[in-house]
PDB file of all heavy atoms in Angstrom:
ATOM      1  N   HIS A   1     -29.395 -46.019 -96.096  1.00  0.00           N
ATOM      2  CA  HIS A   1     -30.263 -45.344 -95.243  1.00  0.00           C
ATOM      3  C   HIS A   1     -29.343 -44.622 -94.225  1.00  0.00           C
ATOM      4  O   HIS A   1     -28.495 -45.259 -93.602  1.00  0.00           O
ATOM      5  CB  HIS A   1     -31.169 -46.250 -94.436  1.00  0.00           C
ATOM      6  CG  HIS A   1     -31.934 -47.197 -95.293  1.00  0.00           C
ATOM      7  ND1 HIS A   1     -33.126 -46.823 -95.942  1.00  0.00           N
ATOM      8  CD2 HIS A   1     -31.811 -48.491 -95.623  1.00  0.00           C
ATOM      9  CE1 HIS A   1     -33.623 -47.843 -96.634  1.00  0.00           C
ATOM     10  NE2 HIS A   1     -32.827 -48.923 -96.434  1.00  0.00           N
ATOM     11  N   PHE A   2     -29.644 -43.340 -94.047  1.00  0.00           N
ATOM     12  CA  PHE A   2     -28.946 -42.558 -92.955  1.00  0.00           C
ATOM     13  C   PHE A   2     -29.865 -42.527 -91.716  1.00  0.00           C
ATOM     14  O   PHE A   2     -30.973 -42.104 -91.846  1.00  0.00           O
ATOM     15  CB  PHE A   2     -28.584 -41.184 -93.474  1.00  0.00           C
ATOM     16  CG  PHE A   2     -27.448 -41.141 -94.455  1.00  0.00           C
ATOM     17  CD1 PHE A   2     -27.793 -41.168 -95.815  1.00  0.00           C
ATOM     18  CD2 PHE A   2     -26.094 -41.233 -94.072  1.00  0.00           C
ATOM     19  CE1 PHE A   2     -26.746 -41.240 -96.826  1.00  0.00           C
ATOM     20  CE2 PHE A   2     -25.116 -41.282 -95.056  1.00  0.00           C
ATOM     21  CZ  PHE A   2     -25.422 -41.274 -96.425  1.00  0.00           C
ATOM     22  N   ILE A   3     -29.295 -42.899 -90.570  1.00  0.00           N
ATOM     23  CA  ILE A   3     -30.093 -42.908 -89.371  1.00  0.00           C
ATOM     24  C   ILE A   3     -29.320 -42.340 -88.258  1.00  0.00           C
ATOM     25  O   ILE A   3     -28.166 -41.949 -88.368  1.00  0.00           O
ATOM     26  CB  ILE A   3     -30.421 -44.427 -89.025  1.00  0.00           C
ATOM     27  CG1 ILE A   3     -29.188 -45.271 -88.840  1.00  0.00           C
ATOM     28  CG2 ILE A   3     -31.282 -45.045 -90.043  1.00  0.00           C
ATOM     29  CD1 ILE A   3     -29.433 -46.717 -88.293  1.00  0.00           C
ATOM     30  N   THR A   4     -29.894 -42.146 -87.064  1.00  0.00           N
ATOM     31  CA  THR A   4     -29.276 -41.606 -85.946  1.00  0.00           C
ATOM     32  C   THR A   4     -28.543 -42.673 -85.100  1.00  0.00           C
ATOM     33  O   THR A   4     -28.742 -43.863 -85.286  1.00  0.00           O
ATOM     34  CB  THR A   4     -30.348 -40.963 -84.993  1.00  0.00           C
ATOM     35  OG1 THR A   4     -31.230 -41.913 -84.466  1.00  0.00           O
ATOM     36  CG2 THR A   4     -31.163 -39.940 -85.764  1.00  0.00           C
ATOM     37  N   GLU A   5     -27.690 -42.191 -84.242  1.00  0.00           N
ATOM     38  CA  GLU A   5     -27.013 -43.172 -83.305  1.00  0.00           C
ATOM     39  C   GLU A   5     -28.035 -43.971 -82.514  1.00  0.00           C
ATOM     40  O   GLU A   5     -27.848 -45.170 -82.191  1.00  0.00           O
ATOM     41  CB  GLU A   5     -25.982 -42.411 -82.446  1.00  0.00           C
ATOM     42  CG  GLU A   5     -24.763 -41.888 -83.140  1.00  0.00           C
ATOM     43  CD  GLU A   5     -23.741 -41.260 -82.160  1.00  0.00           C
ATOM     44  OE1 GLU A   5     -22.947 -41.988 -81.620  1.00  0.00           O
ATOM     45  OE2 GLU A   5     -23.964 -40.002 -81.945  1.00  0.00           O
ATOM     46  N   GLU A   6     -29.047 -43.257 -82.057  1.00  0.00           N
ATOM     47  CA  GLU A   6     -30.069 -43.927 -81.216  1.00  0.00           C
ATOM     48  C   GLU A   6     -30.782 -45.005 -81.992  1.00  0.00           C
ATOM     49  O   GLU A   6     -31.020 -46.167 -81.489  1.00  0.00           O
ATOM     50  CB  GLU A   6     -31.051 -42.871 -80.689  1.00  0.00           C
ATOM     51  CG  GLU A   6     -30.494 -41.830 -79.740  1.00  0.00           C
ATOM     52  CD  GLU A   6     -29.550 -40.806 -80.351  1.00  0.00           C
ATOM     53  OE1 GLU A   6     -29.735 -40.602 -81.631  1.00  0.00           O
ATOM     54  OE2 GLU A   6     -28.792 -40.167 -79.615  1.00  0.00           O
ATOM     55  N   GLU A   7     -31.068 -44.721 -83.213  1.00  0.00           N
ATOM     56  CA  GLU A   7     -31.690 -45.751 -84.045  1.00  0.00           C
ATOM     57  C   GLU A   7     -30.863 -46.917 -84.372  1.00  0.00           C
ATOM     58  O   GLU A   7     -31.247 -48.080 -84.299  1.00  0.00           O
ATOM     59  CB  GLU A   7     -32.169 -45.163 -85.440  1.00  0.00           C
ATOM     60  CG  GLU A   7     -33.335 -44.275 -85.266  1.00  0.00           C
ATOM     61  CD  GLU A   7     -33.635 -43.504 -86.616  1.00  0.00           C
ATOM     62  OE1 GLU A   7     -32.588 -43.018 -87.233  1.00  0.00           O
ATOM     63  OE2 GLU A   7     -34.777 -43.458 -86.981  1.00  0.00           O
ATOM     64  N   MET A   8     -29.530 -46.688 -84.519  1.00  0.00           N
ATOM     65  CA  MET A   8     -28.572 -47.738 -84.721  1.00  0.00           C
ATOM     66  C   MET A   8     -28.494 -48.624 -83.472  1.00  0.00           C
ATOM     67  O   MET A   8     -28.496 -49.865 -83.642  1.00  0.00           O
ATOM     68  CB  MET A   8     -27.182 -47.091 -84.968  1.00  0.00           C
ATOM     69  CG  MET A   8     -26.094 -48.208 -85.215  1.00  0.00           C
ATOM     70  SD  MET A   8     -26.331 -49.049 -86.859  1.00  0.00           S
ATOM     71  CE  MET A   8     -25.745 -47.855 -87.931  1.00  0.00           C
ATOM     72  N   ALA A   9     -28.417 -48.060 -82.327  1.00  0.00           N
ATOM     73  CA  ALA A   9     -28.340 -48.867 -81.032  1.00  0.00           C
ATOM     74  C   ALA A   9     -29.554 -49.635 -80.836  1.00  0.00           C
ATOM     75  O   ALA A   9     -29.507 -50.738 -80.454  1.00  0.00           O
ATOM     76  CB  ALA A   9     -27.988 -47.903 -79.866  1.00  0.00           C
ATOM     77  N   LYS A  10     -30.660 -49.110 -81.096  1.00  0.00           N
ATOM     78  CA  LYS A  10     -31.942 -49.732 -80.821  1.00  0.00           C
ATOM     79  C   LYS A  10     -32.366 -50.784 -81.857  1.00  0.00           C
ATOM     80  O   LYS A  10     -32.794 -51.904 -81.485  1.00  0.00           O
ATOM     81  CB  LYS A  10     -33.070 -48.689 -80.770  1.00  0.00           C
ATOM     82  CG  LYS A  10     -34.497 -49.180 -80.457  1.00  0.00           C
ATOM     83  CD  LYS A  10     -35.524 -48.093 -80.520  1.00  0.00           C
ATOM     84  CE  LYS A  10     -36.898 -48.683 -80.208  1.00  0.00           C
ATOM     85  NZ  LYS A  10     -37.955 -47.683 -80.130  1.00  0.00           N
ATOM     86  N   GLU A  11     -32.084 -50.554 -83.123  1.00  0.00           N
ATOM     87  CA  GLU A  11     -32.621 -51.450 -84.171  1.00  0.00           C
ATOM     88  C   GLU A  11     -31.478 -52.344 -84.845  1.00  0.00           C
ATOM     89  O   GLU A  11     -31.903 -53.234 -85.494  1.00  0.00           O
ATOM     90  CB  GLU A  11     -33.309 -50.608 -85.287  1.00  0.00           C
ATOM     91  CG  GLU A  11     -34.479 -49.775 -84.711  1.00  0.00           C
ATOM     92  CD  GLU A  11     -35.101 -48.832 -85.774  1.00  0.00           C
ATOM     93  OE1 GLU A  11     -34.782 -49.038 -86.920  1.00  0.00           O
ATOM     94  OE2 GLU A  11     -35.955 -47.961 -85.356  1.00  0.00           O
ATOM     95  N   HIS A  12     -30.209 -52.044 -84.661  1.00  0.00           N
ATOM     96  CA  HIS A  12     -29.243 -52.765 -85.329  1.00  0.00           C
ATOM     97  C   HIS A  12     -28.046 -53.121 -84.445  1.00  0.00           C
ATOM     98  O   HIS A  12     -26.868 -53.137 -84.812  1.00  0.00           O
ATOM     99  CB  HIS A  12     -28.663 -51.921 -86.484  1.00  0.00           C
ATOM    100  CG  HIS A  12     -29.783 -51.479 -87.461  1.00  0.00           C
ATOM    101  ND1 HIS A  12     -30.368 -52.245 -88.322  1.00  0.00           N
ATOM    102  CD2 HIS A  12     -30.452 -50.225 -87.607  1.00  0.00           C
ATOM    103  CE1 HIS A  12     -31.302 -51.629 -89.014  1.00  0.00           C
ATOM    104  NE2 HIS A  12     -31.358 -50.424 -88.555  1.00  0.00           N
ATOM    105  N   GLY A  13     -28.408 -53.338 -83.148  1.00  0.00           N
ATOM    106  CA  GLY A  13     -27.307 -53.668 -82.197  1.00  0.00           C
ATOM    107  C   GLY A  13     -26.852 -55.106 -82.314  1.00  0.00           C
ATOM    108  O   GLY A  13     -25.717 -55.388 -81.901  1.00  0.00           O
ATOM    109  N   GLY A  14     -27.599 -56.067 -82.863  1.00  0.00           N
ATOM    110  CA  GLY A  14     -27.146 -57.351 -82.976  1.00  0.00           C
ATOM    111  C   GLY A  14     -26.333 -57.609 -84.224  1.00  0.00           C
ATOM    112  O   GLY A  14     -26.282 -56.719 -85.162  1.00  0.00           O
ATOM    113  N   LEU A  15     -25.737 -58.781 -84.262  1.00  0.00           N
ATOM    114  CA  LEU A  15     -24.921 -59.139 -85.473  1.00  0.00           C
ATOM    115  C   LEU A  15     -25.284 -60.538 -86.041  1.00  0.00           C
ATOM    116  O   LEU A  15     -24.459 -61.401 -86.056  1.00  0.00           O
ATOM    117  CB  LEU A  15     -23.454 -59.134 -85.111  1.00  0.00           C
ATOM    118  CG  LEU A  15     -22.905 -57.625 -84.759  1.00  0.00           C
ATOM    119  CD1 LEU A  15     -21.558 -57.674 -84.138  1.00  0.00           C
ATOM    120  CD2 LEU A  15     -22.848 -56.863 -86.027  1.00  0.00           C
ATOM    121  N   PRO A  16     -26.485 -60.720 -86.416  1.00  0.00           N
ATOM    122  CA  PRO A  16     -26.952 -62.060 -86.920  1.00  0.00           C
ATOM    123  C   PRO A  16     -26.421 -62.240 -88.387  1.00  0.00           C
ATOM    124  O   PRO A  16     -26.131 -61.245 -89.103  1.00  0.00           O
ATOM    125  CB  PRO A  16     -28.493 -61.946 -86.872  1.00  0.00           C
ATOM    126  CG  PRO A  16     -28.703 -60.441 -87.187  1.00  0.00           C
ATOM    127  CD  PRO A  16     -27.691 -59.731 -86.418  1.00  0.00           C
ATOM    128  N   HIS A  17     -26.310 -63.425 -88.752  1.00  0.00           N
ATOM    129  CA  HIS A  17     -25.979 -63.742 -90.187  1.00  0.00           C
ATOM    130  C   HIS A  17     -26.285 -65.135 -90.492  1.00  0.00           C
ATOM    131  O   HIS A  17     -26.898 -65.937 -89.699  1.00  0.00           O
ATOM    132  CB  HIS A  17     -24.542 -63.386 -90.490  1.00  0.00           C
ATOM    133  CG  HIS A  17     -24.331 -62.827 -91.864  1.00  0.00           C
ATOM    134  ND1 HIS A  17     -25.034 -63.167 -92.968  1.00  0.00           N
ATOM    135  CD2 HIS A  17     -23.515 -61.816 -92.358  1.00  0.00           C
ATOM    136  CE1 HIS A  17     -24.719 -62.499 -94.042  1.00  0.00           C
ATOM    137  NE2 HIS A  17     -23.776 -61.708 -93.707  1.00  0.00           N
ATOM    138  N   GLY A  18     -25.909 -65.593 -91.666  1.00  0.00           N
ATOM    139  CA  GLY A  18     -26.200 -66.995 -92.150  1.00  0.00           C
ATOM    140  C   GLY A  18     -26.133 -67.120 -93.550  1.00  0.00           C
ATOM    141  O   GLY A  18     -25.636 -66.170 -94.260  1.00  0.00           O
ATOM    142  N   GLY A  19     -26.588 -68.146 -94.092  1.00  0.00           N
ATOM    143  CA  GLY A  19     -26.661 -68.358 -95.509  1.00  0.00           C
ATOM    144  C   GLY A  19     -26.587 -69.835 -95.896  1.00  0.00           C
ATOM    145  O   GLY A  19     -26.726 -70.788 -94.998  1.00  0.00           O
ATOM    146  N   CYS A  20     -26.365 -70.154 -97.144  1.00  0.00           N
ATOM    147  CA  CYS A  20     -26.365 -71.623 -97.525  1.00  0.00           C
ATOM    148  C   CYS A  20     -25.448 -71.690 -98.791  1.00  0.00           C
ATOM    149  O   CYS A  20     -25.325 -70.785 -99.570  1.00  0.00           O
ATOM    150  CB  CYS A  20     -27.764 -72.103 -97.816  1.00  0.00           C
ATOM    151  SG  CYS A  20     -28.609 -71.219 -99.161  1.00  0.00           S
ATOM    152  N   VAL A  21     -24.916 -72.936 -98.940  1.00  0.00           N
ATOM    153  CA  VAL A  21     -24.194 -73.344-100.076  1.00  0.00           C
ATOM    154  C   VAL A  21     -25.011 -74.490-100.707  1.00  0.00           C
ATOM    155  O   VAL A  21     -25.284 -75.448 -99.992  1.00  0.00           O
ATOM    156  CB  VAL A  21     -22.717 -73.790 -99.756  1.00  0.00           C
ATOM    157  CG1 VAL A  21     -22.107 -74.408-100.976  1.00  0.00           C
ATOM    158  CG2 VAL A  21     -21.864 -72.700 -99.302  1.00  0.00           C
ATOM    159  N   ILE A  22     -25.276 -74.274-101.947  1.00  0.00           N
ATOM    160  CA  ILE A  22     -26.101 -75.376-102.697  1.00  0.00           C
ATOM    161  C   ILE A  22     -25.325 -75.796-103.942  1.00  0.00           C
ATOM    162  O   ILE A  22     -24.799 -74.916-104.685  1.00  0.00           O
ATOM    163  CB  ILE A  22     -27.450 -74.857-103.080  1.00  0.00           C
ATOM    164  CG1 ILE A  22     -28.205 -74.267-101.877  1.00  0.00           C
ATOM    165  CG2 ILE A  22     -28.307 -75.945-103.800  1.00  0.00           C
ATOM    166  CD1 ILE A  22     -29.486 -73.598-102.247  1.00  0.00           C
ATOM    167  N   ARG A  23     -25.272 -77.145-104.124  1.00  0.00           N
ATOM    168  CA  ARG A  23     -24.805 -77.620-105.443  1.00  0.00           C
ATOM    169  C   ARG A  23     -25.817 -78.615-105.967  1.00  0.00           C
ATOM    170  O   ARG A  23     -26.191 -79.513-105.256  1.00  0.00           O
ATOM    171  CB  ARG A  23     -23.429 -78.371-105.267  1.00  0.00           C
ATOM    172  CG  ARG A  23     -22.891 -78.822-106.616  1.00  0.00           C
ATOM    173  CD  ARG A  23     -21.464 -79.105-106.680  1.00  0.00           C
ATOM    174  NE  ARG A  23     -20.956 -79.606-107.948  1.00  0.00           N
ATOM    175  CZ  ARG A  23     -20.562 -78.874-109.029  1.00  0.00           C
ATOM    176  NH1 ARG A  23     -20.593 -77.557-108.883  1.00  0.00           N
ATOM    177  NH2 ARG A  23     -20.100 -79.399-110.101  1.00  0.00           N
ATOM    178  N   THR A  24     -26.197 -78.341-107.182  1.00  0.00           N
ATOM    179  CA  THR A  24     -27.105 -79.325-107.795  1.00  0.00           C
ATOM    180  C   THR A  24     -26.246 -80.098-108.789  1.00  0.00           C
ATOM    181  O   THR A  24     -25.287 -79.560-109.441  1.00  0.00           O
ATOM    182  CB  THR A  24     -28.215 -78.613-108.556  1.00  0.00           C
ATOM    183  OG1 THR A  24     -27.634 -77.673-109.470  1.00  0.00           O
ATOM    184  CG2 THR A  24     -29.116 -77.800-107.572  1.00  0.00           C
ATOM    185  N   GLY A  25     -26.496 -81.388-108.958  1.00  0.00           N
ATOM    186  CA  GLY A  25     -25.745 -82.178-109.950  1.00  0.00           C
ATOM    187  C   GLY A  25     -26.458 -83.428-110.473  1.00  0.00           C
ATOM    188  O   GLY A  25     -27.595 -83.743-109.955  1.00  0.00           O
ATOM    189  N   LYS A  26     -25.878 -84.045-111.449  1.00  0.00           N
ATOM    190  CA  LYS A  26     -26.463 -85.234-112.070  1.00  0.00           C
ATOM    191  C   LYS A  26     -25.433 -86.393-111.954  1.00  0.00           C
ATOM    192  O   LYS A  26     -24.259 -86.257-111.934  1.00  0.00           O
ATOM    193  CB  LYS A  26     -26.697 -85.006-113.524  1.00  0.00           C
ATOM    194  CG  LYS A  26     -27.645 -83.851-113.877  1.00  0.00           C
ATOM    195  CD  LYS A  26     -29.008 -84.267-113.694  1.00  0.00           C
ATOM    196  CE  LYS A  26     -29.968 -83.195-114.282  1.00  0.00           C
ATOM    197  NZ  LYS A  26     -31.411 -83.628-114.107  1.00  0.00           N
ATOM    198  N   THR A  27     -26.015 -87.576-111.797  1.00  0.00           N
ATOM    199  CA  THR A  27     -25.221 -88.864-111.804  1.00  0.00           C
ATOM    200  C   THR A  27     -25.930 -89.838-112.715  1.00  0.00           C
ATOM    201  O   THR A  27     -27.055 -89.626-113.105  1.00  0.00           O
ATOM    202  CB  THR A  27     -25.037 -89.451-110.426  1.00  0.00           C
ATOM    203  OG1 THR A  27     -26.374 -89.857-109.938  1.00  0.00           O
ATOM    204  CG2 THR A  27     -24.349 -88.595-109.460  1.00  0.00           C
TER     205      THR A  27
END
């Protein structure tokens, strides 16, 4: 998406993130 500098500052100023690591297994 191409946006303006004003839109970037207003809507994308934060830097959140995250995620997960999953392993499924048998014993």
